[in-house]
N, C-alpha and C. Protein backbone atom coordinates (compact mmCIF):
# COMPACT_ATOMS: atom_id res chain seq x y z
N UNK A 1 -91.11 13.10 10.79
CA UNK A 1 -91.61 14.12 9.78
C UNK A 1 -92.20 13.44 9.10
N UNK A 2 -92.79 12.51 8.61
CA UNK A 2 -93.89 11.64 8.20
C UNK A 2 -94.42 11.80 9.14
N UNK A 3 -95.28 11.56 10.25
CA UNK A 3 -96.39 11.90 11.60
C UNK A 3 -96.38 13.26 11.60
N UNK A 4 -95.05 13.95 11.38
CA UNK A 4 -95.98 15.67 11.11
C UNK A 4 -96.87 15.59 9.84
N UNK A 5 -96.59 14.95 8.69
CA UNK A 5 -97.25 15.45 7.46
C UNK A 5 -98.73 14.84 8.33
N UNK A 6 -98.32 13.49 8.23
CA UNK A 6 -99.76 12.75 8.64
C UNK A 6 -100.58 13.66 9.15
N UNK A 7 -100.14 14.61 10.65
CA UNK A 7 -100.94 15.14 11.52
C UNK A 7 -101.02 15.92 10.62
N UNK A 8 -100.57 16.92 10.03
CA UNK A 8 -101.10 18.67 9.65
C UNK A 8 -102.55 17.49 8.21
N UNK A 9 -102.00 16.41 7.48
CA UNK A 9 -102.89 15.62 7.01
C UNK A 9 -104.61 15.96 6.89
N UNK A 10 -104.43 15.13 8.52
CA UNK A 10 -105.69 15.18 9.01
C UNK A 10 -106.20 15.72 9.22
N UNK A 11 -105.16 17.80 9.91
CA UNK A 11 -106.25 18.30 10.21
C UNK A 11 -106.64 18.95 9.55
N UNK A 12 -105.96 19.25 8.29
CA UNK A 12 -107.27 19.67 7.35
C UNK A 12 -108.15 18.65 6.75
N UNK A 13 -107.95 18.25 6.64
CA UNK A 13 -108.86 16.64 6.65
C UNK A 13 -110.24 16.96 7.66
N UNK A 14 -110.24 17.16 7.81
CA UNK A 14 -111.40 17.05 9.39
C UNK A 14 -111.38 18.71 9.22
N UNK A 15 -111.16 19.38 9.23
CA UNK A 15 -111.12 20.99 8.58
C UNK A 15 -112.77 21.25 6.94
N UNK A 16 -112.05 19.99 6.42
CA UNK A 16 -112.94 19.79 5.24
C UNK A 16 -113.51 19.64 5.37
N UNK A 17 -113.62 18.45 6.25
CA UNK A 17 -115.17 17.41 6.09
C UNK A 17 -115.80 17.84 7.06
N UNK A 18 -116.19 18.42 8.32
CA UNK A 18 -116.73 19.48 9.18
C UNK A 18 -117.45 20.56 7.91
N UNK A 19 -116.49 21.30 6.90
CA UNK A 19 -117.43 22.64 6.55
C UNK A 19 -118.40 21.46 4.99
N UNK A 20 -117.94 20.97 4.43
CA UNK A 20 -118.70 19.82 3.47
C UNK A 20 -119.85 18.22 3.89
N UNK A 21 -119.31 18.03 4.46
CA UNK A 21 -119.40 16.32 5.16
C UNK A 21 -118.67 16.32 4.08
N UNK A 22 -119.08 14.94 4.36
CA UNK A 22 -118.55 13.66 3.59
C UNK A 22 -118.34 13.91 2.23
N UNK A 23 -119.46 13.07 1.85
CA UNK A 23 -119.75 12.50 0.24
C UNK A 23 -118.60 14.07 -1.01
N UNK A 24 -119.04 15.64 -0.21
CA UNK A 24 -118.74 16.43 -1.04
C UNK A 24 -117.16 16.63 -1.27
N UNK A 25 -116.48 15.76 -0.30
CA UNK A 25 -115.03 16.22 -0.66
C UNK A 25 -114.17 15.10 -1.41
N UNK A 26 -113.18 15.34 -2.15
CA UNK A 26 -112.71 14.42 -3.14
C UNK A 26 -110.60 14.62 -2.47
N UNK A 27 -110.28 13.60 -2.19
CA UNK A 27 -108.94 13.80 -2.44
C UNK A 27 -108.18 14.85 -2.72
N UNK A 28 -108.71 15.30 -4.03
CA UNK A 28 -107.76 16.66 -4.04
C UNK A 28 -107.84 17.56 -3.39
N UNK A 29 -109.63 17.60 -2.76
CA UNK A 29 -109.26 18.73 -1.86
C UNK A 29 -108.96 18.83 -0.57
N UNK A 30 -108.78 18.00 -0.20
CA UNK A 30 -107.85 17.72 1.24
C UNK A 30 -106.55 17.74 0.68
N UNK A 31 -105.90 17.17 -0.53
CA UNK A 31 -104.73 17.69 -0.84
C UNK A 31 -104.61 19.24 -0.70
N UNK A 32 -105.64 19.42 -1.39
CA UNK A 32 -105.78 21.14 -1.63
C UNK A 32 -105.59 22.08 0.23
N UNK A 33 -106.43 21.58 0.40
CA UNK A 33 -106.21 22.05 2.23
C UNK A 33 -105.26 21.44 3.19
N UNK A 34 -104.12 21.18 2.26
CA UNK A 34 -102.82 20.78 3.24
C UNK A 34 -101.65 21.13 2.54
N UNK A 35 -101.86 21.62 1.34
CA UNK A 35 -100.57 22.37 1.07
C UNK A 35 -100.12 21.27 0.30
N UNK A 36 -100.74 19.84 -0.35
CA UNK A 36 -99.57 19.25 -0.97
C UNK A 36 -100.19 18.42 -2.24
N UNK A 37 -99.67 18.19 -3.11
CA UNK A 37 -100.53 17.57 -3.83
C UNK A 37 -100.93 16.46 -3.82
N UNK A 38 -101.83 15.70 -4.74
CA UNK A 38 -103.00 14.56 -4.33
C UNK A 38 -101.98 13.23 -4.55
N UNK A 39 -100.78 13.44 -5.42
CA UNK A 39 -100.14 12.18 -5.64
C UNK A 39 -99.56 12.20 -4.20
N UNK A 40 -98.91 13.03 -3.24
CA UNK A 40 -98.24 13.31 -2.73
C UNK A 40 -98.96 12.60 -0.98
N UNK A 41 -100.40 12.99 -1.18
CA UNK A 41 -101.18 12.59 -0.13
C UNK A 41 -101.75 11.23 -0.67
N UNK A 42 -101.93 10.43 -1.73
CA UNK A 42 -101.89 9.29 -1.60
C UNK A 42 -100.56 8.54 -0.49
N UNK A 43 -99.81 9.09 -1.46
CA UNK A 43 -98.52 8.29 -0.50
C UNK A 43 -98.43 7.66 0.45
N UNK A 44 -99.75 8.68 1.95
CA UNK A 44 -99.79 8.54 2.46
C UNK A 44 -101.35 8.39 3.24
N UNK A 45 -101.87 8.31 2.10
CA UNK A 45 -103.13 7.29 2.16
C UNK A 45 -103.81 6.78 1.45
N UNK A 46 -104.79 5.76 1.34
CA UNK A 46 -105.37 5.01 -0.40
C UNK A 46 -105.63 5.19 -0.43
N UNK A 47 -107.03 6.16 1.03
CA UNK A 47 -107.99 6.75 0.13
C UNK A 47 -109.14 7.36 0.47
N UNK A 48 -110.03 8.34 0.03
CA UNK A 48 -110.58 9.39 1.18
C UNK A 48 -111.50 8.31 2.37
N UNK A 49 -111.37 6.80 2.20
CA UNK A 49 -112.26 6.76 3.66
C UNK A 49 -111.02 6.31 4.67
N UNK A 50 -110.06 6.13 4.19
CA UNK A 50 -108.76 6.18 5.00
C UNK A 50 -108.44 7.24 5.76
N UNK A 51 -108.36 8.44 5.23
CA UNK A 51 -108.38 9.38 5.81
C UNK A 51 -109.45 9.59 6.73
N UNK A 52 -110.75 9.35 6.78
CA UNK A 52 -111.75 9.65 6.90
C UNK A 52 -111.85 9.13 8.81
N UNK A 53 -111.20 7.88 8.30
CA UNK A 53 -110.35 6.89 9.56
C UNK A 53 -110.11 7.09 10.18
N UNK A 54 -108.67 7.97 10.32
CA UNK A 54 -107.92 8.33 10.60
C UNK A 54 -108.57 10.17 11.30
N UNK A 55 -109.31 10.41 10.63
CA UNK A 55 -109.73 12.11 11.18
C UNK A 55 -110.47 11.64 12.53
N UNK A 56 -111.52 10.29 12.34
CA UNK A 56 -112.58 9.88 13.31
C UNK A 56 -111.09 9.59 14.77
N UNK A 57 -109.99 8.22 14.22
CA UNK A 57 -109.33 8.05 15.40
C UNK A 57 -108.82 8.90 16.31
N UNK A 58 -108.32 9.96 15.34
CA UNK A 58 -107.91 10.97 15.86
C UNK A 58 -108.61 11.62 17.47
N UNK A 59 -109.99 12.01 16.51
CA UNK A 59 -111.74 12.32 17.70
C UNK A 59 -111.45 11.87 18.86
N UNK A 60 -111.58 10.32 18.43
CA UNK A 60 -111.57 9.77 19.80
C UNK A 60 -110.34 9.64 20.57
N UNK A 61 -109.26 9.92 20.43
CA UNK A 61 -107.96 9.58 21.05
C UNK A 61 -108.24 11.18 21.53
N UNK A 62 -108.84 12.47 20.75
CA UNK A 62 -108.12 13.49 21.23
C UNK A 62 -109.46 13.99 22.37
N UNK A 63 -110.28 13.04 22.02
CA UNK A 63 -111.63 13.17 23.54
C UNK A 63 -111.48 11.81 24.44
N UNK A 64 -110.73 10.88 24.61
CA UNK A 64 -109.92 10.36 25.44
C UNK A 64 -109.20 11.27 26.31
N UNK A 65 -108.31 11.26 26.25
CA UNK A 65 -107.00 12.36 26.30
C UNK A 65 -108.51 13.44 27.46
N UNK A 66 -109.03 14.12 26.84
CA UNK A 66 -109.22 15.43 27.57
C UNK A 66 -110.13 14.69 28.65
N UNK A 67 -111.49 14.14 28.56
CA UNK A 67 -111.69 12.93 29.27
C UNK A 67 -111.14 12.84 30.53
N UNK A 68 -109.77 11.87 30.39
CA UNK A 68 -109.14 11.51 30.83
C UNK A 68 -108.26 12.96 32.49
N UNK A 69 -107.86 13.62 31.50
CA UNK A 69 -107.51 14.65 31.71
C UNK A 69 -108.27 16.19 32.44
N UNK A 70 -109.53 15.98 32.21
CA UNK A 70 -110.30 17.12 33.20
C UNK A 70 -111.08 15.90 33.98
N UNK A 71 -111.46 14.51 34.05
CA UNK A 71 -111.93 14.14 35.12
C UNK A 71 -111.98 14.14 36.14
N UNK A 72 -110.70 14.81 36.34
CA UNK A 72 -109.65 14.88 37.53
C UNK A 72 -110.69 15.60 38.95
N UNK A 73 -110.81 16.91 37.75
CA UNK A 73 -111.01 17.83 38.86
C UNK A 73 -112.55 18.19 38.95
N UNK A 74 -113.34 16.83 38.96
CA UNK A 74 -114.37 16.65 40.29
C UNK A 74 -114.48 15.88 40.74
N UNK A 75 -115.47 16.04 41.67
CA UNK A 75 -115.12 15.48 42.96
C UNK A 75 -116.12 13.86 42.80
N UNK A 76 -116.87 13.95 42.40
CA UNK A 76 -117.58 12.69 42.76
C UNK A 76 -117.21 11.98 41.38
N UNK A 77 -117.68 10.34 41.72
CA UNK A 77 -118.17 9.90 40.50
C UNK A 77 -118.91 10.09 39.78
N UNK A 78 -120.40 10.79 39.84
CA UNK A 78 -121.70 11.22 38.82
C UNK A 78 -120.79 12.14 38.48
N UNK A 79 -120.00 12.58 38.79
CA UNK A 79 -119.84 13.93 38.36
C UNK A 79 -118.80 13.83 36.91
N UNK A 80 -117.81 12.97 37.75
CA UNK A 80 -117.06 12.25 37.01
C UNK A 80 -117.70 12.24 34.83
N UNK A 81 -118.76 11.10 35.71
CA UNK A 81 -119.04 10.28 34.08
C UNK A 81 -120.01 11.28 33.48
N UNK A 82 -120.47 12.48 34.23
CA UNK A 82 -121.42 13.29 33.51
C UNK A 82 -120.26 14.58 32.55
N UNK A 83 -118.95 14.82 33.09
CA UNK A 83 -118.79 15.66 32.21
C UNK A 83 -118.34 14.16 31.21
N UNK A 84 -118.19 13.00 31.94
CA UNK A 84 -117.33 11.93 30.21
C UNK A 84 -117.81 12.30 29.18
N UNK A 85 -119.79 12.25 29.64
CA UNK A 85 -120.37 11.93 28.71
C UNK A 85 -120.72 12.68 28.24
N UNK A 86 -120.65 14.34 28.06
CA UNK A 86 -120.46 15.30 27.75
C UNK A 86 -120.00 16.10 27.25
N UNK A 87 -118.55 14.91 26.44
CA UNK A 87 -117.49 15.30 26.35
C UNK A 87 -118.10 14.41 24.69
N UNK A 88 -117.78 13.34 25.49
CA UNK A 88 -118.28 12.05 23.58
C UNK A 88 -119.42 12.02 23.12
N UNK A 89 -120.74 11.88 23.85
CA UNK A 89 -122.25 12.12 23.17
C UNK A 89 -122.97 13.73 23.39
N UNK A 90 -122.79 14.31 23.80
CA UNK A 90 -123.63 15.43 24.41
C UNK A 90 -123.13 16.72 23.40
N UNK A 91 -121.60 16.82 23.13
CA UNK A 91 -121.00 17.54 22.37
C UNK A 91 -121.66 16.88 20.34
N UNK A 92 -121.19 16.27 20.50
CA UNK A 92 -121.05 15.08 18.81
C UNK A 92 -122.97 15.05 19.09
N UNK A 93 -123.62 14.76 19.79
CA UNK A 93 -125.02 15.19 19.07
C UNK A 93 -125.52 16.89 19.22
N UNK A 94 -124.65 17.68 19.70
CA UNK A 94 -124.82 18.97 19.31
C UNK A 94 -124.87 19.38 18.51
N UNK A 95 -123.35 18.83 17.24
CA UNK A 95 -122.65 19.35 16.15
C UNK A 95 -123.70 18.47 15.41
N UNK A 96 -124.14 17.50 15.26
CA UNK A 96 -124.97 17.06 14.20
C UNK A 96 -125.86 17.37 14.37
N UNK A 97 -126.96 17.96 15.38
CA UNK A 97 -127.97 18.80 15.36
C UNK A 97 -128.00 20.57 14.59
N UNK A 98 -126.39 20.91 14.60
CA UNK A 98 -126.33 21.83 14.56
C UNK A 98 -125.87 22.21 12.98
N UNK A 99 -125.25 20.66 12.33
CA UNK A 99 -124.45 21.09 11.03
C UNK A 99 -125.07 19.36 9.98
N UNK A 100 -125.83 19.83 8.73
CA UNK A 100 -126.25 19.12 7.95
C UNK A 100 -124.59 18.09 7.99
N UNK A 101 -124.09 18.78 7.92
CA UNK A 101 -122.52 17.99 7.43
C UNK A 101 -122.13 16.96 8.62
N UNK A 102 -121.53 17.77 10.08
CA UNK A 102 -121.81 17.23 11.06
C UNK A 102 -122.69 15.80 11.32
N UNK A 103 -123.93 15.76 11.15
CA UNK A 103 -124.54 13.99 10.93
C UNK A 103 -124.71 13.45 9.92
N UNK A 104 -123.99 13.58 8.49
CA UNK A 104 -123.62 12.90 6.82
C UNK A 104 -122.60 12.22 8.13
N UNK A 105 -121.50 13.07 8.48
CA UNK A 105 -120.11 12.42 8.49
C UNK A 105 -120.84 11.45 10.14
N UNK A 106 -121.46 11.76 11.11
CA UNK A 106 -121.55 10.91 12.60
C UNK A 106 -122.25 9.25 10.93
N UNK A 107 -123.13 9.59 10.12
CA UNK A 107 -123.86 8.46 8.97
C UNK A 107 -122.90 7.78 8.21
N UNK A 108 -121.72 8.26 7.70
CA UNK A 108 -120.42 7.90 7.29
C UNK A 108 -119.67 6.70 8.34
N UNK A 109 -119.33 6.65 9.35
CA UNK A 109 -118.88 5.82 9.94
C UNK A 109 -118.86 4.54 10.42
N UNK A 110 -120.61 4.62 10.02
CA UNK A 110 -121.26 3.40 9.93
C UNK A 110 -121.60 3.01 9.11
N UNK A 111 -120.81 3.62 7.75
CA UNK A 111 -121.20 2.49 6.46
C UNK A 111 -119.78 2.46 6.56
N UNK A 112 -119.12 2.68 6.14
CA UNK A 112 -117.16 1.97 6.23
C UNK A 112 -116.66 1.97 7.35
N UNK A 113 -117.09 2.51 8.02
CA UNK A 113 -116.05 2.78 9.77
C UNK A 113 -116.55 2.31 10.48
N UNK A 114 -117.44 0.69 10.40
CA UNK A 114 -117.38 0.06 10.90
C UNK A 114 -116.06 -0.61 12.91
N UNK A 115 -115.29 -0.55 11.90
CA UNK A 115 -114.04 -1.22 13.40
C UNK A 115 -113.61 0.35 13.60
N UNK A 116 -113.68 1.46 12.89
CA UNK A 116 -112.92 2.49 13.65
C UNK A 116 -114.08 2.26 15.17
N UNK A 117 -115.58 2.85 14.33
CA UNK A 117 -117.01 2.53 15.81
C UNK A 117 -116.79 1.66 16.80
N UNK A 118 -116.50 0.21 16.28
CA UNK A 118 -116.20 -0.90 17.49
C UNK A 118 -114.99 0.04 18.29
N UNK A 119 -113.46 0.13 17.79
CA UNK A 119 -112.60 0.36 18.75
C UNK A 119 -113.07 1.52 18.85
N UNK A 120 -113.46 2.57 19.22
CA UNK A 120 -114.12 4.12 19.69
C UNK A 120 -114.89 3.62 20.64
N UNK A 121 -116.02 2.55 20.29
CA UNK A 121 -116.68 2.10 21.85
C UNK A 121 -115.98 1.63 22.53
N UNK A 122 -114.66 0.95 22.61
CA UNK A 122 -114.00 0.07 23.25
C UNK A 122 -113.61 1.05 24.10
N UNK A 123 -112.64 2.26 23.34
CA UNK A 123 -112.01 3.00 24.29
C UNK A 123 -111.94 3.48 25.20
N UNK A 124 -113.73 4.18 24.75
CA UNK A 124 -114.52 5.03 25.74
C UNK A 124 -115.24 4.28 27.21
N UNK A 125 -115.23 2.76 26.64
CA UNK A 125 -115.64 2.14 28.17
C UNK A 125 -114.26 1.69 28.28
N UNK A 126 -113.13 1.78 28.30
CA UNK A 126 -112.27 1.42 29.36
C UNK A 126 -111.50 2.98 29.94
N UNK A 127 -112.23 3.99 29.15
CA UNK A 127 -112.09 5.38 29.90
C UNK A 127 -113.13 5.33 31.03
N UNK A 128 -114.61 5.14 30.27
CA UNK A 128 -115.58 4.52 32.19
C UNK A 128 -115.41 3.63 32.83
N UNK A 129 -114.93 2.83 32.46
CA UNK A 129 -114.33 1.42 33.33
C UNK A 129 -113.46 1.97 34.11
N UNK A 130 -112.13 2.42 33.72
CA UNK A 130 -110.83 3.20 35.09
C UNK A 130 -111.99 4.19 35.85
N UNK A 131 -112.27 5.79 35.19
CA UNK A 131 -113.16 6.08 36.14
C UNK A 131 -113.76 5.59 37.40
N UNK A 132 -114.47 4.71 37.13
CA UNK A 132 -115.83 3.12 37.70
C UNK A 132 -114.55 2.86 38.24
N UNK A 133 -113.59 2.34 38.21
CA UNK A 133 -112.70 1.40 39.09
C UNK A 133 -111.86 2.80 40.23
N UNK A 134 -111.43 3.82 40.22
CA UNK A 134 -110.60 4.62 40.69
C UNK A 134 -111.70 5.15 41.55
N UNK A 135 -113.14 5.31 41.71
CA UNK A 135 -113.16 6.05 42.51
C UNK A 135 -114.33 5.05 43.37
N UNK A 136 -114.34 3.85 43.26
CA UNK A 136 -114.63 2.77 43.74
C UNK A 136 -113.11 2.14 43.98
N UNK A 137 -112.01 2.55 44.55
CA UNK A 137 -110.98 1.78 45.24
C UNK A 137 -111.11 2.58 46.04
N UNK A 138 -110.91 1.11 46.89
CA UNK A 138 -110.29 0.96 49.07
C UNK A 138 -112.05 1.08 48.92
N UNK A 139 -112.76 1.34 48.22
CA UNK A 139 -114.51 1.58 48.91
C UNK A 139 -115.01 0.07 48.97
N UNK A 140 -115.73 -0.48 49.51
CA UNK A 140 -116.47 -1.79 50.11
C UNK A 140 -117.62 -1.32 48.92
N UNK A 141 -118.01 -2.20 47.54
CA UNK A 141 -119.82 -1.48 47.36
C UNK A 141 -120.08 -3.24 47.17
N UNK A 142 -121.08 -2.75 48.14
CA UNK A 142 -122.38 -4.41 47.76
C UNK A 142 -122.66 -4.71 46.22
N UNK A 143 -122.20 -6.83 45.93
CA UNK A 143 -122.46 -6.71 44.80
C UNK A 143 -122.79 -5.71 43.37
N UNK A 144 -121.42 -4.72 43.69
CA UNK A 144 -121.40 -4.22 42.48
C UNK A 144 -120.73 -4.63 41.11
N UNK A 145 -121.36 -4.30 39.73
CA UNK A 145 -121.15 -5.69 38.82
C UNK A 145 -120.08 -4.53 38.28
N UNK A 146 -118.52 -5.42 37.52
CA UNK A 146 -117.17 -4.64 38.04
C UNK A 146 -117.25 -3.29 36.67
N UNK A 147 -116.54 -2.40 36.93
CA UNK A 147 -116.06 -1.80 36.52
C UNK A 147 -116.40 -1.83 34.70
N UNK A 148 -115.95 -2.63 33.88
CA UNK A 148 -115.93 -3.24 32.34
C UNK A 148 -117.49 -3.46 32.10
N UNK A 149 -117.72 -4.11 33.10
CA UNK A 149 -119.21 -3.84 32.60
C UNK A 149 -120.54 -2.55 32.69
N UNK A 150 -120.23 -2.37 34.02
CA UNK A 150 -121.19 -1.65 34.45
C UNK A 150 -120.81 -0.17 33.37
N UNK A 151 -119.12 0.37 32.46
CA UNK A 151 -118.71 0.48 31.50
C UNK A 151 -120.03 0.46 30.26
N UNK A 152 -119.61 -0.96 29.98
CA UNK A 152 -120.21 -1.55 28.90
C UNK A 152 -122.08 -0.97 28.87
N UNK A 153 -122.75 -0.95 29.96
CA UNK A 153 -124.65 -0.48 30.06
C UNK A 153 -124.10 0.81 29.76
N UNK A 154 -123.94 1.95 30.92
CA UNK A 154 -123.90 3.21 30.32
C UNK A 154 -123.32 3.75 29.03
N UNK A 155 -122.68 2.90 28.36
CA UNK A 155 -121.86 3.24 26.86
C UNK A 155 -123.11 3.07 26.06
N UNK A 156 -123.37 1.98 26.00
CA UNK A 156 -123.95 1.51 25.16
C UNK A 156 -126.03 2.52 25.12
N UNK A 157 -126.19 2.32 26.42
CA UNK A 157 -127.10 3.39 26.65
C UNK A 157 -127.87 4.37 26.30
N UNK A 158 -126.39 5.29 26.10
CA UNK A 158 -126.10 6.48 25.51
C UNK A 158 -126.06 5.98 24.26
N UNK A 159 -125.50 5.64 23.30
CA UNK A 159 -125.69 5.59 21.99
C UNK A 159 -127.04 5.03 21.81
N UNK A 160 -127.66 4.42 22.88
CA UNK A 160 -129.39 4.67 22.26
C UNK A 160 -130.31 5.94 22.30
N UNK A 161 -129.75 6.44 23.53
CA UNK A 161 -130.30 7.96 23.65
C UNK A 161 -130.15 8.81 22.92
N UNK A 162 -128.81 9.27 21.68
CA UNK A 162 -128.75 9.69 21.51
C UNK A 162 -129.63 9.95 19.54
N UNK A 163 -129.77 8.45 19.93
CA UNK A 163 -130.97 8.13 18.24
C UNK A 163 -132.64 8.76 18.48
N UNK A 164 -132.48 8.59 20.19
CA UNK A 164 -133.60 9.45 20.66
C UNK A 164 -133.83 10.86 21.05
N UNK A 165 -133.39 11.28 21.60
CA UNK A 165 -133.49 12.82 21.99
C UNK A 165 -133.43 13.67 21.00
N UNK A 166 -134.09 14.70 21.68
CA UNK A 166 -134.86 16.01 20.94
C UNK A 166 -133.94 16.97 20.23
N UNK A 167 -133.12 16.98 21.99
CA UNK A 167 -131.80 17.82 22.46
C UNK A 167 -130.86 17.56 22.91
N UNK A 168 -129.96 18.14 23.53
CA UNK A 168 -129.16 18.16 24.00
C UNK A 168 -129.52 18.30 25.03
N UNK A 169 -130.49 18.96 25.58
CA UNK A 169 -130.92 18.85 27.17
C UNK A 169 -131.46 17.95 27.68
N UNK A 170 -132.01 16.91 27.20
CA UNK A 170 -132.85 15.96 27.05
C UNK A 170 -132.04 15.07 27.31
N UNK A 171 -130.60 15.06 26.35
CA UNK A 171 -130.47 13.68 26.21
C UNK A 171 -129.20 13.78 27.47
N UNK A 172 -129.39 15.39 27.89
CA UNK A 172 -128.32 14.86 29.53
C UNK A 172 -129.49 14.76 30.67
N UNK A 173 -130.61 14.93 30.12
CA UNK A 173 -131.43 14.76 31.41
C UNK A 173 -131.47 12.64 31.03
N UNK A 174 -131.64 12.22 30.32
CA UNK A 174 -131.52 10.89 29.73
C UNK A 174 -129.60 10.22 30.33
N UNK A 175 -128.62 10.73 30.44
CA UNK A 175 -127.91 10.20 31.20
C UNK A 175 -127.77 10.62 32.71
N UNK A 176 -128.72 12.18 32.57
CA UNK A 176 -128.00 11.85 34.44
C UNK A 176 -129.55 11.04 35.23
N UNK A 177 -130.40 10.75 34.63
CA UNK A 177 -130.82 9.19 35.05
C UNK A 177 -130.93 8.33 34.92
N UNK A 178 -129.75 7.70 34.19
CA UNK A 178 -129.07 6.48 33.48
C UNK A 178 -127.70 6.47 35.20
N UNK A 179 -127.56 7.63 35.16
CA UNK A 179 -126.84 7.35 36.32
C UNK A 179 -127.05 7.56 37.72
N UNK A 180 -127.97 7.69 37.53
CA UNK A 180 -129.14 7.83 39.03
C UNK A 180 -129.35 6.49 39.23
N UNK A 181 -129.52 5.74 37.86
CA UNK A 181 -130.56 3.77 38.52
C UNK A 181 -128.74 3.55 38.53
N UNK A 182 -127.92 3.95 37.78
CA UNK A 182 -126.71 2.42 37.56
C UNK A 182 -126.39 3.17 39.12
N UNK A 183 -125.97 3.72 39.88
CA UNK A 183 -124.75 4.51 40.40
C UNK A 183 -125.47 4.50 41.86
N UNK A 184 -127.11 4.60 41.94
CA UNK A 184 -127.51 4.50 43.72
C UNK A 184 -127.88 2.48 43.85
């Protein structure tokens, strides 16, 4: 029952954060959206920052699960990785470009959720490494970097690309170029 309540709270909080951003949302707003009292909300989460971290953690888990489920539909490693980056980076990039609230939410994660951001980078890196290792399984590759190091280079590069790309099409081109460099 406690997990159901937590999930309901996180779902309501996500909707409220996406609609109004982080700074304009109060614990009372989240409680109202979830249909509970503010004291009940505080029994589950100590602060708005904790709620936000929970929403962010949940987004990471859902996105990694979606990548893991969907990647098998693609025949080549390059296609699997493009799919992964589309879900992980391009989708968030597009959301930030469409909404000032989404952009604010992304900047908030860097202020007080540094541990969550680091954990999310690690989760995405493990996901990429698993895709790379699976594609290399049974194949002899000439002096290839280990999957974990390749994944770290890919994920770190794309984080920088999101800062410099002017639109989603450019971000996708940058990812494609990176994959060409790393996979050839």
